[in-house]
Amino acid sequence: MEIRRIRTRDIREVLGLLDNAFSAEFHRWDVNLSRAERLLRFLLAGGRFPVRCLRVLGLEFEIWVATEGEKVIGALGQLEGKIPSLSGIAVAPEAQGKGVAKALLRHAFADLRKKGWPLVLGSVRAENEKALELCRSVGMEPYGELKIYAVPFPPRALPVIPKGITVRPATKRDIDSVRSRVPEGLALKARLDAAYSPWCLRLLGIHRSSLVAEVAGELQGFIPLQVGQFWKAATIGAPLLFGPREPTFLALLAGAVARAFSFRPSTLHIVLPTELLTLEGIVVHMGGEPIGTWVQLVRYLNRREGDGRAG
């Protein structure tokens, strides 16, 4: 078995593996695989010149493939932003149980360690015990949980910004202010860094933005929003709340829904961390239905497998 970077001739095999592994997720998110194929062909054209350009602009990504002979038997995505993350691991049915997934993960860990990253993140559905056991076996540790709700767009009921609260687009100064108020802890840091948005992400069809709520100039909360041209759902990320939880969440949610209108999504996905599940009644009132809980995972790259705990 060999592990290497994806090549143009691998694209259809890789997309086939991902579609087989995540067909239900792709259907729920209405992922457009033909557009994804065209983008990958563009990025891998000219000796990966577009990929090198993105790297210069502050965005680095890899798709690792495991091969036997000329056949692709596994694939794993790796994205490096403020915090690197891994996603989309898929193994051909006939190659499962042969250590392909572990080999891909360990290869990604080694690549990120060589580049000087201290850690890498990932996420797995809470009910996917097989995937969780795989992650544990290579030293990935849980540090939080997120519950995701699907809301039809437009929602059945629109949230309204409570009187006295102003919602506006976040600026870099706002983000720095929010960062200074976030207590130590990986879950909160990762939630804030989810709004990191190098403009070159738009070259990949990904649009990220974030909003803040304030009262008399005092920040009350923050929420990220992401949409993409390869799927028809918009994601309203997990918020950070500093003011009264329900009014602040209502205000941020109303602002995010209004902004999502310009992208005309078919569905909204709203993310709530477990400590904010007391607010799920607001999401349910909008027509939201839970579609799953994801375990957030971290691998500290300066530790051996099995050493230490997530903070």
C-alpha atoms as a PDB file:
ATOM      1  CA  MET A   1       0.000   0.000   0.000  1.00  0.00           C
ATOM      2  CA  GLU A   2       1.220   3.490  -0.923  1.00  0.00           C
ATOM      3  CA  ILE A   3      -0.059   6.819   0.429  1.00  0.00           C
ATOM      4  CA  ARG A   4       0.386   9.926  -1.702  1.00  0.00           C
ATOM      5  CA  ARG A   5      -1.296  13.141  -2.791  1.00  0.00           C
ATOM      6  CA  ILE A   6      -4.306  12.895  -5.069  1.00  0.00           C
ATOM      7  CA  ARG A   7      -3.663  13.104  -8.814  1.00  0.00           C
ATOM      8  CA  THR A   8      -6.050  14.104 -11.584  1.00  0.00           C
ATOM      9  CA  ARG A   9      -6.589  10.497 -12.636  1.00  0.00           C
ATOM     10  CA  ASP A  10      -7.686   9.628  -9.058  1.00  0.00           C
ATOM     11  CA  ILE A  11     -10.526  12.163  -8.852  1.00  0.00           C
ATOM     12  CA  ARG A  12     -13.432   9.999  -9.953  1.00  0.00           C
ATOM     13  CA  GLU A  13     -12.327   7.063  -7.805  1.00  0.00           C
ATOM     14  CA  VAL A  14     -11.967   9.322  -4.765  1.00  0.00           C
ATOM     15  CA  LEU A  15     -15.376  10.921  -5.281  1.00  0.00           C
ATOM     16  CA  GLY A  16     -16.854   7.439  -5.724  1.00  0.00           C
ATOM     17  CA  LEU A  17     -15.367   6.321  -2.386  1.00  0.00           C
ATOM     18  CA  LEU A  18     -16.698   9.423  -0.636  1.00  0.00           C
ATOM     19  CA  ASP A  19     -20.130   9.056  -2.197  1.00  0.00           C
ATOM     20  CA  ASN A  20     -20.281   5.422  -1.090  1.00  0.00           C
ATOM     21  CA  ALA A  21     -19.178   6.271   2.462  1.00  0.00           C
ATOM     22  CA  PHE A  22     -21.272   9.424   2.921  1.00  0.00           C
ATOM     23  CA  SER A  23     -24.199   9.015   0.521  1.00  0.00           C
ATOM     24  CA  ALA A  24     -26.776   9.786   3.235  1.00  0.00           C
ATOM     25  CA  GLU A  25     -24.860  12.904   4.311  1.00  0.00           C
ATOM     26  CA  PHE A  26     -24.380  14.056   0.724  1.00  0.00           C
ATOM     27  CA  HIS A  27     -28.110  13.632   0.088  1.00  0.00           C
ATOM     28  CA  ARG A  28     -29.003  15.575   3.237  1.00  0.00           C
ATOM     29  CA  TRP A  29     -26.600  18.398   2.348  1.00  0.00           C
ATOM     30  CA  ASP A  30     -27.509  18.212  -1.357  1.00  0.00           C
ATOM     31  CA  VAL A  31     -23.844  18.007  -2.358  1.00  0.00           C
ATOM     32  CA  ASN A  32     -23.095  18.560  -6.045  1.00  0.00           C
ATOM     33  CA  LEU A  33     -20.368  16.028  -6.893  1.00  0.00           C
ATOM     34  CA  SER A  34     -20.073  17.103 -10.533  1.00  0.00           C
ATOM     35  CA  ARG A  35     -19.124  20.631  -9.442  1.00  0.00           C
ATOM     36  CA  ALA A  36     -16.685  19.198  -6.922  1.00  0.00           C
ATOM     37  CA  GLU A  37     -15.077  17.148  -9.695  1.00  0.00           C
ATOM     38  CA  ARG A  38     -14.658  20.213 -11.907  1.00  0.00           C
ATOM     39  CA  LEU A  39     -13.069  22.156  -9.039  1.00  0.00           C
ATOM     40  CA  LEU A  40     -10.614  19.358  -8.234  1.00  0.00           C
ATOM     41  CA  ARG A  41      -9.623  19.065 -11.894  1.00  0.00           C
ATOM     42  CA  PHE A  42      -8.952  22.810 -11.959  1.00  0.00           C
ATOM     43  CA  LEU A  43      -6.903  22.713  -8.739  1.00  0.00           C
ATOM     44  CA  LEU A  44      -4.778  19.791  -9.937  1.00  0.00           C
ATOM     45  CA  ALA A  45      -4.169  21.248 -13.391  1.00  0.00           C
ATOM     46  CA  GLY A  46      -0.798  22.684 -14.371  1.00  0.00           C
ATOM     47  CA  GLY A  47       1.226  20.705 -11.871  1.00  0.00           C
ATOM     48  CA  ARG A  48      -0.947  21.794  -8.926  1.00  0.00           C
ATOM     49  CA  PHE A  49      -0.197  25.455  -9.689  1.00  0.00           C
ATOM     50  CA  PRO A  50      -3.621  26.650  -8.357  1.00  0.00           C
ATOM     51  CA  VAL A  51      -2.963  24.724  -5.118  1.00  0.00           C
ATOM     52  CA  ARG A  52       0.390  26.474  -4.707  1.00  0.00           C
ATOM     53  CA  CYS A  53      -1.314  29.838  -5.265  1.00  0.00           C
ATOM     54  CA  LEU A  54      -3.835  29.100  -2.503  1.00  0.00           C
ATOM     55  CA  ARG A  55      -0.974  28.160  -0.186  1.00  0.00           C
ATOM     56  CA  VAL A  56       0.656  31.553  -0.755  1.00  0.00           C
ATOM     57  CA  LEU A  57      -2.709  33.189   0.023  1.00  0.00           C
ATOM     58  CA  GLY A  58      -2.954  31.441   3.403  1.00  0.00           C
ATOM     59  CA  LEU A  59      -4.967  28.311   2.656  1.00  0.00           C
ATOM     60  CA  GLU A  60      -3.444  24.869   2.400  1.00  0.00           C
ATOM     61  CA  PHE A  61      -5.212  21.594   1.775  1.00  0.00           C
ATOM     62  CA  GLU A  62      -4.382  18.055   0.774  1.00  0.00           C
ATOM     63  CA  ILE A  63      -6.311  14.993  -0.256  1.00  0.00           C
ATOM     64  CA  TRP A  64      -4.323  11.886   0.616  1.00  0.00           C
ATOM     65  CA  VAL A  65      -5.038   8.653  -1.219  1.00  0.00           C
ATOM     66  CA  ALA A  66      -4.073   5.091  -0.340  1.00  0.00           C
ATOM     67  CA  THR A  67      -3.420   2.904  -3.364  1.00  0.00           C
ATOM     68  CA  GLU A  68      -2.761  -0.716  -4.198  1.00  0.00           C
ATOM     69  CA  GLY A  69      -1.225  -0.834  -7.625  1.00  0.00           C
ATOM     70  CA  GLU A  70      -3.245   1.580  -9.745  1.00  0.00           C
ATOM     71  CA  LYS A  71      -6.407   1.293  -7.621  1.00  0.00           C
ATOM     72  CA  VAL A  72      -7.387   3.926  -5.057  1.00  0.00           C
ATOM     73  CA  ILE A  73      -8.581   2.122  -1.907  1.00  0.00           C
ATOM     74  CA  GLY A  74      -8.826   5.033   0.546  1.00  0.00           C
ATOM     75  CA  ALA A  75      -8.919   8.822   0.795  1.00  0.00           C
ATOM     76  CA  LEU A  76      -8.665  11.503   3.490  1.00  0.00           C
ATOM     77  CA  GLY A  77      -9.061  15.292   3.335  1.00  0.00           C
ATOM     78  CA  GLN A  78      -6.781  17.685   5.234  1.00  0.00           C
ATOM     79  CA  LEU A  79      -7.464  21.437   5.520  1.00  0.00           C
ATOM     80  CA  GLU A  80      -5.105  23.907   7.191  1.00  0.00           C
ATOM     81  CA  GLY A  81      -6.570  27.223   8.323  1.00  0.00           C
ATOM     82  CA  LYS A  82      -6.273  28.704  11.800  1.00  0.00           C
ATOM     83  CA  ILE A  83      -6.456  25.143  13.133  1.00  0.00           C
ATOM     84  CA  PRO A  84      -5.912  22.155  10.813  1.00  0.00           C
ATOM     85  CA  SER A  85      -8.722  19.643  10.484  1.00  0.00           C
ATOM     86  CA  LEU A  86      -9.293  16.250   8.883  1.00  0.00           C
ATOM     87  CA  SER A  87     -12.503  15.126   7.192  1.00  0.00           C
ATOM     88  CA  GLY A  88     -14.025  12.748   4.697  1.00  0.00           C
ATOM     89  CA  ILE A  89     -12.059   9.572   5.383  1.00  0.00           C
ATOM     90  CA  ALA A  90     -13.334   6.781   3.143  1.00  0.00           C
ATOM     91  CA  VAL A  91     -12.101   3.248   2.431  1.00  0.00           C
ATOM     92  CA  ALA A  92     -13.199   0.903  -0.360  1.00  0.00           C
ATOM     93  CA  PRO A  93     -15.437  -1.916   0.970  1.00  0.00           C
ATOM     94  CA  GLU A  94     -13.007  -4.635  -0.130  1.00  0.00           C
ATOM     95  CA  ALA A  95     -10.119  -2.908   1.678  1.00  0.00           C
ATOM     96  CA  GLN A  96     -11.826  -2.341   5.032  1.00  0.00           C
ATOM     97  CA  GLY A  97     -10.281  -4.010   8.060  1.00  0.00           C
ATOM     98  CA  LYS A  98      -6.787  -3.872   6.543  1.00  0.00           C
ATOM     99  CA  GLY A  99      -5.498  -0.777   8.361  1.00  0.00           C
ATOM    100  CA  VAL A 100      -6.017   1.636   5.463  1.00  0.00           C
ATOM    101  CA  ALA A 101      -7.822   4.277   7.543  1.00  0.00           C
ATOM    102  CA  LYS A 102      -5.189   4.151  10.297  1.00  0.00           C
ATOM    103  CA  ALA A 103      -2.417   4.500   7.741  1.00  0.00           C
ATOM    104  CA  LEU A 104      -4.080   7.550   6.175  1.00  0.00           C
ATOM    105  CA  LEU A 105      -4.593   9.226   9.547  1.00  0.00           C
ATOM    106  CA  ARG A 106      -1.026   8.565  10.667  1.00  0.00           C
ATOM    107  CA  HIS A 107       0.274   9.912   7.362  1.00  0.00           C
ATOM    108  CA  ALA A 108      -1.699  13.134   7.867  1.00  0.00           C
ATOM    109  CA  PHE A 109      -0.457  13.438  11.468  1.00  0.00           C
ATOM    110  CA  ALA A 110       3.148  13.082  10.276  1.00  0.00           C
ATOM    111  CA  ASP A 111       2.662  15.696   7.550  1.00  0.00           C
ATOM    112  CA  LEU A 112       1.143  18.221   9.965  1.00  0.00           C
ATOM    113  CA  ARG A 113       3.755  17.514  12.632  1.00  0.00           C
ATOM    114  CA  LYS A 114       6.505  18.130  10.086  1.00  0.00           C
ATOM    115  CA  LYS A 115       4.904  21.498   9.267  1.00  0.00           C
ATOM    116  CA  GLY A 116       4.979  22.458  12.961  1.00  0.00           C
ATOM    117  CA  TRP A 117       1.275  22.179  13.832  1.00  0.00           C
ATOM    118  CA  PRO A 118       0.683  21.262  17.501  1.00  0.00           C
ATOM    119  CA  LEU A 119      -2.730  19.616  16.961  1.00  0.00           C
ATOM    120  CA  VAL A 120      -5.382  18.624  14.451  1.00  0.00           C
ATOM    121  CA  LEU A 121      -9.174  18.424  14.802  1.00  0.00           C
ATOM    122  CA  GLY A 122     -11.856  16.110  13.444  1.00  0.00           C
ATOM    123  CA  SER A 123     -15.448  15.080  14.121  1.00  0.00           C
ATOM    124  CA  VAL A 124     -17.453  11.846  14.016  1.00  0.00           C
ATOM    125  CA  ARG A 125     -21.141  11.061  14.432  1.00  0.00           C
ATOM    126  CA  ALA A 126     -21.759  10.073  18.059  1.00  0.00           C
ATOM    127  CA  GLU A 127     -23.456   6.810  17.072  1.00  0.00           C
ATOM    128  CA  ASN A 128     -20.605   5.742  14.767  1.00  0.00           C
ATOM    129  CA  GLU A 129     -18.807   3.539  17.292  1.00  0.00           C
ATOM    130  CA  LYS A 130     -16.575   1.996  14.636  1.00  0.00           C
ATOM    131  CA  ALA A 131     -15.233   5.391  13.573  1.00  0.00           C
ATOM    132  CA  LEU A 132     -14.844   6.538  17.180  1.00  0.00           C
ATOM    133  CA  GLU A 133     -12.854   3.415  18.016  1.00  0.00           C
ATOM    134  CA  LEU A 134     -10.646   4.030  14.979  1.00  0.00           C
ATOM    135  CA  CYS A 135      -9.983   7.599  16.137  1.00  0.00           C
ATOM    136  CA  ARG A 136      -9.215   6.461  19.689  1.00  0.00           C
ATOM    137  CA  SER A 137      -6.800   3.869  18.346  1.00  0.00           C
ATOM    138  CA  VAL A 138      -4.652   6.578  16.718  1.00  0.00           C
ATOM    139  CA  GLY A 139      -4.700   8.932  19.698  1.00  0.00           C
ATOM    140  CA  MET A 140      -7.644  11.204  18.860  1.00  0.00           C
ATOM    141  CA  GLU A 141      -9.516  12.288  21.981  1.00  0.00           C
ATOM    142  CA  PRO A 142     -13.018  13.787  22.419  1.00  0.00           C
ATOM    143  CA  TYR A 143     -13.206  17.369  23.652  1.00  0.00           C
ATOM    144  CA  GLY A 144     -16.827  18.329  22.971  1.00  0.00           C
ATOM    145  CA  GLU A 145     -20.136  17.507  21.284  1.00  0.00           C
ATOM    146  CA  LEU A 146     -22.325  19.390  18.838  1.00  0.00           C
ATOM    147  CA  LYS A 147     -25.967  18.733  17.941  1.00  0.00           C
ATOM    148  CA  ILE A 148     -27.128  19.765  14.461  1.00  0.00           C
ATOM    149  CA  TYR A 149     -30.683  20.643  13.434  1.00  0.00           C
ATOM    150  CA  ALA A 150     -32.086  20.877   9.905  1.00  0.00           C
ATOM    151  CA  VAL A 151     -34.469  23.814   9.419  1.00  0.00           C
ATOM    152  CA  PRO A 152     -36.470  24.234   6.181  1.00  0.00           C
ATOM    153  CA  PHE A 153     -35.728  27.444   4.348  1.00  0.00           C
ATOM    154  CA  PRO A 154     -37.434  29.782   4.766  1.00  0.00           C
ATOM    155  CA  PRO A 155     -38.096  28.730   8.372  1.00  0.00           C
ATOM    156  CA  ARG A 156     -41.627  28.041   9.568  1.00  0.00           C
ATOM    157  CA  ALA A 157     -41.191  30.831  12.105  1.00  0.00           C
ATOM    158  CA  LEU A 158     -38.646  33.630  11.887  1.00  0.00           C
ATOM    159  CA  PRO A 159     -36.719  34.687  14.995  1.00  0.00           C
ATOM    160  CA  VAL A 160     -36.975  38.379  15.841  1.00  0.00           C
ATOM    161  CA  ILE A 161     -34.169  40.542  17.190  1.00  0.00           C
ATOM    162  CA  PRO A 162     -35.173  41.623  20.722  1.00  0.00           C
ATOM    163  CA  LYS A 163     -35.413  45.358  21.343  1.00  0.00           C
ATOM    164  CA  GLY A 164     -32.218  47.016  22.455  1.00  0.00           C
ATOM    165  CA  ILE A 165     -29.899  44.510  20.721  1.00  0.00           C
ATOM    166  CA  THR A 166     -28.019  45.423  17.554  1.00  0.00           C
ATOM    167  CA  VAL A 167     -26.687  42.754  15.187  1.00  0.00           C
ATOM    168  CA  ARG A 168     -24.038  43.586  12.592  1.00  0.00           C
ATOM    169  CA  PRO A 169     -21.206  41.942  10.621  1.00  0.00           C
ATOM    170  CA  ALA A 170     -18.177  41.153  12.743  1.00  0.00           C
ATOM    171  CA  THR A 171     -14.941  43.045  12.131  1.00  0.00           C
ATOM    172  CA  LYS A 172     -11.389  41.912  12.898  1.00  0.00           C
ATOM    173  CA  ARG A 173     -11.491  44.194  15.957  1.00  0.00           C
ATOM    174  CA  ASP A 174     -14.656  42.403  17.127  1.00  0.00           C
ATOM    175  CA  ILE A 175     -13.022  38.999  16.647  1.00  0.00           C
ATOM    176  CA  ASP A 176      -9.977  40.097  18.647  1.00  0.00           C
ATOM    177  CA  SER A 177     -12.280  41.373  21.395  1.00  0.00           C
ATOM    178  CA  VAL A 178     -14.266  38.139  21.449  1.00  0.00           C
ATOM    179  CA  ARG A 179     -11.052  36.107  21.510  1.00  0.00           C
ATOM    180  CA  SER A 180      -9.877  37.981  24.597  1.00  0.00           C
ATOM    181  CA  ARG A 181     -13.148  37.088  26.372  1.00  0.00           C
ATOM    182  CA  VAL A 182     -13.128  33.390  25.509  1.00  0.00           C
ATOM    183  CA  PRO A 183     -11.919  31.311  28.461  1.00  0.00           C
ATOM    184  CA  GLU A 184      -9.170  28.775  27.901  1.00  0.00           C
ATOM    185  CA  GLY A 185     -10.520  25.637  26.307  1.00  0.00           C
ATOM    186  CA  LEU A 186     -10.250  23.987  22.932  1.00  0.00           C
ATOM    187  CA  ALA A 187     -14.014  23.765  22.296  1.00  0.00           C
ATOM    188  CA  LEU A 188     -14.521  27.534  22.543  1.00  0.00           C
ATOM    189  CA  LYS A 189     -11.341  28.346  20.617  1.00  0.00           C
ATOM    190  CA  ALA A 190     -12.335  26.001  17.794  1.00  0.00           C
ATOM    191  CA  ARG A 191     -15.820  27.545  17.719  1.00  0.00           C
ATOM    192  CA  LEU A 192     -14.364  31.020  17.282  1.00  0.00           C
ATOM    193  CA  ASP A 193     -11.789  29.946  14.711  1.00  0.00           C
ATOM    194  CA  ALA A 194     -14.563  28.368  12.617  1.00  0.00           C
ATOM    195  CA  ALA A 195     -15.258  31.917  11.447  1.00  0.00           C
ATOM    196  CA  TYR A 196     -11.700  32.348  10.130  1.00  0.00           C
ATOM    197  CA  SER A 197     -12.244  33.341   6.521  1.00  0.00           C
ATOM    198  CA  PRO A 198      -9.276  33.882   4.207  1.00  0.00           C
ATOM    199  CA  TRP A 199     -10.823  35.432   1.110  1.00  0.00           C
ATOM    200  CA  CYS A 200      -9.259  32.706  -1.054  1.00  0.00           C
ATOM    201  CA  LEU A 201     -11.772  30.224   0.390  1.00  0.00           C
ATOM    202  CA  ARG A 202     -14.201  31.819  -2.049  1.00  0.00           C
ATOM    203  CA  LEU A 203     -12.087  30.413  -4.874  1.00  0.00           C
ATOM    204  CA  LEU A 204     -13.177  27.013  -3.538  1.00  0.00           C
ATOM    205  CA  GLY A 205     -16.810  28.091  -3.452  1.00  0.00           C
ATOM    206  CA  ILE A 206     -16.922  28.519   0.337  1.00  0.00           C
ATOM    207  CA  HIS A 207     -18.319  31.735   1.823  1.00  0.00           C
ATOM    208  CA  ARG A 208     -17.826  32.370   5.534  1.00  0.00           C
ATOM    209  CA  SER A 209     -18.979  35.336   7.557  1.00  0.00           C
ATOM    210  CA  SER A 210     -19.776  36.113  11.164  1.00  0.00           C
ATOM    211  CA  LEU A 211     -22.047  38.397  13.153  1.00  0.00           C
ATOM    212  CA  VAL A 212     -21.910  40.018  16.553  1.00  0.00           C
ATOM    213  CA  ALA A 213     -24.703  41.200  18.838  1.00  0.00           C
ATOM    214  CA  GLU A 214     -24.212  44.217  21.051  1.00  0.00           C
ATOM    215  CA  VAL A 215     -26.091  46.370  23.523  1.00  0.00           C
ATOM    216  CA  ALA A 216     -25.018  50.016  23.818  1.00  0.00           C
ATOM    217  CA  GLY A 217     -21.710  49.133  22.160  1.00  0.00           C
ATOM    218  CA  GLU A 218     -21.015  46.181  24.483  1.00  0.00           C
ATOM    219  CA  LEU A 219     -20.532  42.823  22.769  1.00  0.00           C
ATOM    220  CA  GLN A 220     -23.118  40.248  23.820  1.00  0.00           C
ATOM    221  CA  GLY A 221     -22.315  37.388  21.459  1.00  0.00           C
ATOM    222  CA  PHE A 222     -20.888  36.058  18.217  1.00  0.00           C
ATOM    223  CA  ILE A 223     -22.069  33.543  15.578  1.00  0.00           C
ATOM    224  CA  PRO A 224     -20.522  32.213  12.314  1.00  0.00           C
ATOM    225  CA  LEU A 225     -22.297  31.435   9.035  1.00  0.00           C
ATOM    226  CA  GLN A 226     -21.040  29.294   6.146  1.00  0.00           C
ATOM    227  CA  VAL A 227     -22.467  28.557   2.698  1.00  0.00           C
ATOM    228  CA  GLY A 228     -20.931  26.793  -0.282  1.00  0.00           C
ATOM    229  CA  GLN A 229     -21.568  26.431  -3.992  1.00  0.00           C
ATOM    230  CA  PHE A 230     -21.277  22.632  -3.811  1.00  0.00           C
ATOM    231  CA  TRP A 231     -24.167  22.178  -1.409  1.00  0.00           C
ATOM    232  CA  LYS A 232     -27.508  23.916  -0.962  1.00  0.00           C
ATOM    233  CA  ALA A 233     -27.559  24.131   2.815  1.00  0.00           C
ATOM    234  CA  ALA A 234     -26.288  27.072   4.860  1.00  0.00           C
ATOM    235  CA  THR A 235     -24.710  26.331   8.239  1.00  0.00           C
ATOM    236  CA  ILE A 236     -25.232  28.627  11.209  1.00  0.00           C
ATOM    237  CA  GLY A 237     -22.432  27.625  13.534  1.00  0.00           C
ATOM    238  CA  ALA A 238     -22.325  27.252  17.293  1.00  0.00           C
ATOM    239  CA  PRO A 239     -22.549  30.696  18.948  1.00  0.00           C
ATOM    240  CA  LEU A 240     -20.482  32.273  21.685  1.00  0.00           C
ATOM    241  CA  LEU A 241     -22.773  34.053  24.143  1.00  0.00           C
ATOM    242  CA  PHE A 242     -21.684  36.617  26.722  1.00  0.00           C
ATOM    243  CA  GLY A 243     -24.991  38.361  27.429  1.00  0.00           C
ATOM    244  CA  PRO A 244     -28.348  36.842  28.482  1.00  0.00           C
ATOM    245  CA  ARG A 245     -28.446  33.581  26.555  1.00  0.00           C
ATOM    246  CA  GLU A 246     -31.925  33.498  25.054  1.00  0.00           C
ATOM    247  CA  PRO A 247     -32.196  37.150  23.881  1.00  0.00           C
ATOM    248  CA  THR A 248     -28.626  37.119  22.543  1.00  0.00           C
ATOM    249  CA  PHE A 249     -29.127  33.829  20.696  1.00  0.00           C
ATOM    250  CA  LEU A 250     -32.416  35.043  19.221  1.00  0.00           C
ATOM    251  CA  ALA A 251     -30.744  38.201  17.963  1.00  0.00           C
ATOM    252  CA  LEU A 252     -27.778  36.388  16.407  1.00  0.00           C
ATOM    253  CA  LEU A 253     -30.026  33.733  14.866  1.00  0.00           C
ATOM    254  CA  ALA A 254     -32.296  36.363  13.321  1.00  0.00           C
ATOM    255  CA  GLY A 255     -29.305  38.156  11.822  1.00  0.00           C
ATOM    256  CA  ALA A 256     -27.815  34.933  10.438  1.00  0.00           C
ATOM    257  CA  VAL A 257     -31.127  33.854   8.866  1.00  0.00           C
ATOM    258  CA  ALA A 258     -31.492  37.266   7.203  1.00  0.00           C
ATOM    259  CA  ARG A 259     -27.978  37.027   5.783  1.00  0.00           C
ATOM    260  CA  ALA A 260     -28.608  33.475   4.538  1.00  0.00           C
ATOM    261  CA  PHE A 261     -31.506  34.755   2.394  1.00  0.00           C
ATOM    262  CA  SER A 262     -29.077  36.223  -0.137  1.00  0.00           C
ATOM    263  CA  PHE A 263     -27.688  32.746  -0.861  1.00  0.00           C
ATOM    264  CA  ARG A 264     -31.122  31.100  -1.250  1.00  0.00           C
ATOM    265  CA  PRO A 265     -30.291  27.829   0.522  1.00  0.00           C
ATOM    266  CA  SER A 266     -32.767  24.949   0.575  1.00  0.00           C
ATOM    267  CA  THR A 267     -32.028  24.160   4.221  1.00  0.00           C
ATOM    268  CA  LEU A 268     -30.452  25.758   7.265  1.00  0.00           C
ATOM    269  CA  HIS A 269     -28.263  23.654   9.511  1.00  0.00           C
ATOM    270  CA  ILE A 270     -28.079  25.133  12.995  1.00  0.00           C
ATOM    271  CA  VAL A 271     -25.368  23.931  15.353  1.00  0.00           C
ATOM    272  CA  LEU A 272     -25.718  23.889  19.133  1.00  0.00           C
ATOM    273  CA  PRO A 273     -23.054  22.663  21.556  1.00  0.00           C
ATOM    274  CA  THR A 274     -24.289  20.473  24.405  1.00  0.00           C
ATOM    275  CA  GLU A 275     -23.990  23.283  26.960  1.00  0.00           C
ATOM    276  CA  LEU A 276     -26.501  25.364  24.958  1.00  0.00           C
ATOM    277  CA  LEU A 277     -29.142  22.681  24.371  1.00  0.00           C
ATOM    278  CA  THR A 278     -31.507  24.597  26.666  1.00  0.00           C
ATOM    279  CA  LEU A 279     -31.938  26.898  23.647  1.00  0.00           C
ATOM    280  CA  GLU A 280     -33.094  24.145  21.276  1.00  0.00           C
ATOM    281  CA  GLY A 281     -36.744  25.157  21.775  1.00  0.00           C
ATOM    282  CA  ILE A 282     -36.020  28.268  19.687  1.00  0.00           C
ATOM    283  CA  VAL A 283     -34.678  26.126  16.838  1.00  0.00           C
ATOM    284  CA  VAL A 284     -37.554  23.640  17.059  1.00  0.00           C
ATOM    285  CA  HIS A 285     -40.038  26.541  16.877  1.00  0.00           C
ATOM    286  CA  MET A 286     -38.425  27.500  13.559  1.00  0.00           C
ATOM    287  CA  GLY A 287     -39.189  24.008  12.247  1.00  0.00           C
ATOM    288  CA  GLY A 288     -35.850  22.475  13.154  1.00  0.00           C
ATOM    289  CA  GLU A 289     -35.429  18.734  13.549  1.00  0.00           C
ATOM    290  CA  PRO A 290     -32.276  17.118  14.988  1.00  0.00           C
ATOM    291  CA  ILE A 291     -30.236  15.216  12.412  1.00  0.00           C
ATOM    292  CA  GLY A 292     -27.436  14.007  14.640  1.00  0.00           C
ATOM    293  CA  THR A 293     -24.822  14.642  17.282  1.00  0.00           C
ATOM    294  CA  TRP A 294     -21.148  14.899  16.388  1.00  0.00           C
ATOM    295  CA  VAL A 295     -18.248  14.186  18.738  1.00  0.00           C
ATOM    296  CA  GLN A 296     -15.422  16.691  18.347  1.00  0.00           C
ATOM    297  CA  LEU A 297     -11.972  15.125  18.411  1.00  0.00           C
ATOM    298  CA  VAL A 298      -8.414  16.375  18.779  1.00  0.00           C
ATOM    299  CA  ARG A 299      -5.041  14.759  18.201  1.00  0.00           C
ATOM    300  CA  TYR A 300      -2.113  16.484  19.931  1.00  0.00           C
ATOM    301  CA  LEU A 301       0.732  15.916  17.507  1.00  0.00           C
ATOM    302  CA  ASN A 302       3.527  16.189  20.057  1.00  0.00           C
ATOM    303  CA  ARG A 303       2.206  13.164  21.970  1.00  0.00           C
ATOM    304  CA  ARG A 304       2.419   9.491  21.265  1.00  0.00           C
ATOM    305  CA  GLU A 305      -0.793   7.566  20.613  1.00  0.00           C
ATOM    306  CA  GLY A 306      -2.581   6.974  23.891  1.00  0.00           C
ATOM    307  CA  ASP A 307      -0.676   9.632  25.862  1.00  0.00           C
ATOM    308  CA  GLY A 308      -2.443  12.477  27.683  1.00  0.00           C
ATOM    309  CA  ARG A 309      -5.965  13.860  27.607  1.00  0.00           C
ATOM    310  CA  ALA A 310      -7.757  16.592  25.726  1.00  0.00           C
ATOM    311  CA  GLY A 311      -8.079  19.825  27.654  1.00  0.00           C
END
